[in-house]
Structure formats: structure tokens, C-alpha cells
C-alpha atoms as a PDB file:
ATOM      1  CA  MET A   1      -0.026  -0.090   0.012  1.00  0.00           C
ATOM      2  CA  TYR A   2       1.502   3.292  -1.119  1.00  0.00           C
ATOM      3  CA  LEU A   3      -0.438   5.554   1.152  1.00  0.00           C
ATOM      4  CA  THR A   4      -0.036   4.569   4.854  1.00  0.00           C
ATOM      5  CA  PRO A   5      -1.411   6.496   7.816  1.00  0.00           C
ATOM      6  CA  GLU A   6       2.107   7.579   8.628  1.00  0.00           C
ATOM      7  CA  VAL A   7       2.553   9.114   5.263  1.00  0.00           C
ATOM      8  CA  LYS A   8      -0.691  10.952   5.522  1.00  0.00           C
ATOM      9  CA  LYS A   9       0.203  12.371   8.989  1.00  0.00           C
ATOM     10  CA  GLU A  10       3.506  13.501   7.624  1.00  0.00           C
ATOM     11  CA  ILE A  11       1.880  15.216   4.662  1.00  0.00           C
ATOM     12  CA  PHE A  12      -0.702  17.007   6.815  1.00  0.00           C
ATOM     13  CA  ALA A  13       1.982  17.917   9.500  1.00  0.00           C
ATOM     14  CA  LYS A  14       4.169  19.486   6.790  1.00  0.00           C
ATOM     15  CA  TYR A  15       1.500  21.346   4.671  1.00  0.00           C
ATOM     16  CA  GLY A  16      -1.383  21.670   7.070  1.00  0.00           C
ATOM     17  CA  LYS A  17      -1.521  23.439  10.419  1.00  0.00           C
ATOM     18  CA  SER A  18      -1.060  20.183  12.369  1.00  0.00           C
ATOM     19  CA  GLU A  19      -1.100  16.441  11.617  1.00  0.00           C
ATOM     20  CA  LYS A  20      -4.773  16.274  12.672  1.00  0.00           C
ATOM     21  CA  ASP A  21      -5.808  19.237  10.526  1.00  0.00           C
ATOM     22  CA  THR A  22      -7.054  17.171   7.570  1.00  0.00           C
ATOM     23  CA  GLY A  23      -9.527  19.791   6.444  1.00  0.00           C
ATOM     24  CA  SER A  24      -7.234  22.700   5.411  1.00  0.00           C
ATOM     25  CA  PRO A  25      -7.093  23.198   1.624  1.00  0.00           C
ATOM     26  CA  GLU A  26      -3.144  23.113   1.721  1.00  0.00           C
ATOM     27  CA  GLY A  27      -3.128  19.661   3.327  1.00  0.00           C
ATOM     28  CA  GLN A  28      -5.752  18.335   1.008  1.00  0.00           C
ATOM     29  CA  ILE A  29      -3.972  19.858  -2.023  1.00  0.00           C
ATOM     30  CA  ALA A  30      -0.685  18.265  -0.823  1.00  0.00           C
ATOM     31  CA  LEU A  31      -2.378  14.876  -0.448  1.00  0.00           C
ATOM     32  CA  PHE A  32      -3.989  15.114  -3.812  1.00  0.00           C
ATOM     33  CA  THR A  33      -0.669  15.885  -5.400  1.00  0.00           C
ATOM     34  CA  TYR A  34       0.989  12.879  -3.658  1.00  0.00           C
ATOM     35  CA  ARG A  35      -1.770  10.645  -5.009  1.00  0.00           C
ATOM     36  CA  ILE A  36      -1.679  12.106  -8.514  1.00  0.00           C
ATOM     37  CA  ASN A  37       2.044  11.574  -8.772  1.00  0.00           C
ATOM     38  CA  HIS A  38       1.685   7.908  -7.764  1.00  0.00           C
ATOM     39  CA  LEU A  39      -1.143   7.269 -10.215  1.00  0.00           C
ATOM     40  CA  THR A  40       0.842   9.084 -12.968  1.00  0.00           C
ATOM     41  CA  GLU A  41       3.740   6.711 -12.484  1.00  0.00           C
ATOM     42  CA  HIS A  42       1.335   3.713 -12.408  1.00  0.00           C
ATOM     43  CA  LEU A  43      -0.160   4.810 -15.795  1.00  0.00           C
ATOM     44  CA  LYS A  44       3.244   5.142 -17.291  1.00  0.00           C
ATOM     45  CA  LYS A  45       3.691   1.417 -16.814  1.00  0.00           C
ATOM     46  CA  ASN A  46       0.012   0.347 -17.453  1.00  0.00           C
ATOM     47  CA  LYS A  47      -1.097   2.391 -20.379  1.00  0.00           C
ATOM     48  CA  HIS A  48      -4.450   0.449 -20.765  1.00  0.00           C
ATOM     49  CA  ASP A  49      -5.736   0.929 -17.094  1.00  0.00           C
ATOM     50  CA  TYR A  50      -8.596   3.206 -18.098  1.00  0.00           C
ATOM     51  CA  GLY A  51     -10.226   2.993 -14.597  1.00  0.00           C
ATOM     52  CA  THR A  52      -7.151   4.495 -13.013  1.00  0.00           C
ATOM     53  CA  GLU A  53      -6.933   7.043 -15.721  1.00  0.00           C
ATOM     54  CA  LYS A  54     -10.595   8.240 -15.102  1.00  0.00           C
ATOM     55  CA  ALA A  55      -9.819   8.411 -11.281  1.00  0.00           C
ATOM     56  CA  LEU A  56      -6.623  10.473 -12.084  1.00  0.00           C
ATOM     57  CA  VAL A  57      -8.529  13.002 -14.197  1.00  0.00           C
ATOM     58  CA  LYS A  58     -11.255  13.305 -11.428  1.00  0.00           C
ATOM     59  CA  MET A  59      -8.558  13.824  -8.778  1.00  0.00           C
ATOM     60  CA  VAL A  60      -6.786  16.480 -10.928  1.00  0.00           C
ATOM     61  CA  GLY A  61     -10.160  18.277 -11.136  1.00  0.00           C
ATOM     62  CA  LYS A  62     -10.683  18.169  -7.467  1.00  0.00           C
ATOM     63  CA  ARG A  63      -7.252  19.535  -6.788  1.00  0.00           C
ATOM     64  CA  ARG A  64      -7.874  22.381  -9.321  1.00  0.00           C
ATOM     65  CA  SER A  65     -11.172  23.214  -7.575  1.00  0.00           C
ATOM     66  CA  LEU A  66      -9.332  23.501  -4.226  1.00  0.00           C
ATOM     67  CA  LEU A  67      -6.561  25.613  -5.753  1.00  0.00           C
ATOM     68  CA  ASN A  68      -9.207  27.923  -7.254  1.00  0.00           C
ATOM     69  CA  TYR A  69     -10.868  28.203  -3.891  1.00  0.00           C
ATOM     70  CA  LEU A  70      -7.599  29.110  -2.135  1.00  0.00           C
ATOM     71  CA  LYS A  71      -6.681  31.599  -4.941  1.00  0.00           C
ATOM     72  CA  ASN A  72      -9.971  33.503  -4.559  1.00  0.00           C
ATOM     73  CA  ASN A  73      -9.945  33.530  -0.739  1.00  0.00           C
ATOM     74  CA  ASP A  74      -6.217  33.935   0.260  1.00  0.00           C
ATOM     75  CA  ILE A  75      -3.790  34.587  -2.626  1.00  0.00           C
ATOM     76  CA  GLU A  76      -0.792  34.416  -0.353  1.00  0.00           C
ATOM     77  CA  ARG A  77      -1.627  30.954   0.895  1.00  0.00           C
ATOM     78  CA  TYR A  78      -2.209  29.901  -2.780  1.00  0.00           C
ATOM     79  CA  ARG A  79       1.241  31.188  -3.868  1.00  0.00           C
ATOM     80  CA  ASN A  80       2.966  29.439  -1.004  1.00  0.00           C
ATOM     81  CA  ILE A  81       1.392  26.036  -1.718  1.00  0.00           C
ATOM     82  CA  ILE A  82       2.030  26.351  -5.449  1.00  0.00           C
ATOM     83  CA  LYS A  83       5.765  27.245  -4.612  1.00  0.00           C
ATOM     84  CA  GLU A  84       6.173  24.420  -2.064  1.00  0.00           C
ATOM     85  CA  LEU A  85       4.674  21.677  -4.255  1.00  0.00           C
ATOM     86  CA  GLY A  86       6.238  22.877  -7.337  1.00  0.00           C
ATOM     87  CA  LEU A  87       2.860  23.083  -9.277  1.00  0.00           C
ATOM     88  CA  ARG A  88       2.186  25.269 -12.348  1.00  0.00           C
ATOM     89  CA  LYS A  89      -1.100  26.584 -13.684  1.00  0.00           C
END
């Protein structure tokens, strides 16, 4: 299993306010980014896995929604999370 509870806690501790703060947009965006990177690597090896491809597209859309929310409400937090994760628009 690629996403253990310890990895989740580490992600939320690093990008959220605390390891128990699973609701912050930054923590959720970081978790989606981790999962998206994992699924992207999986799809490079398994090109015909269409179920995973659909899940990946859905996840990218959810992350985009969270990024748009953060950009509209607090531009500084948006810029920080983009810079930390190395994302681009």
C-alpha cells in the first residue's frame, strides 16, 4: 500500500496546520498531489488501465477546485502552496 497512515500524517503535518488538520485546503492539495504523482507513475507502466486514468482525471479536477478556492480567498496561501509543491497553472 503506497499511502499509509504515517505518510498521511507526515503530509498533513508538513503542509497543514497540524497532523490532525485534515480539512485545510493546503493539506488536501498536498495529499491530492501525492496521489496524482503515484497514479501518474502507475499509468506510465500500465497504459491501458482506463479506470485508473478516469480516477486520475477526477482527482486533478478536485485539486484544481481546491486551488481555485484558495486563490479566490487567500492569494498568499495559494502562492505558498504552489511554490512548495512545485505546481504550475
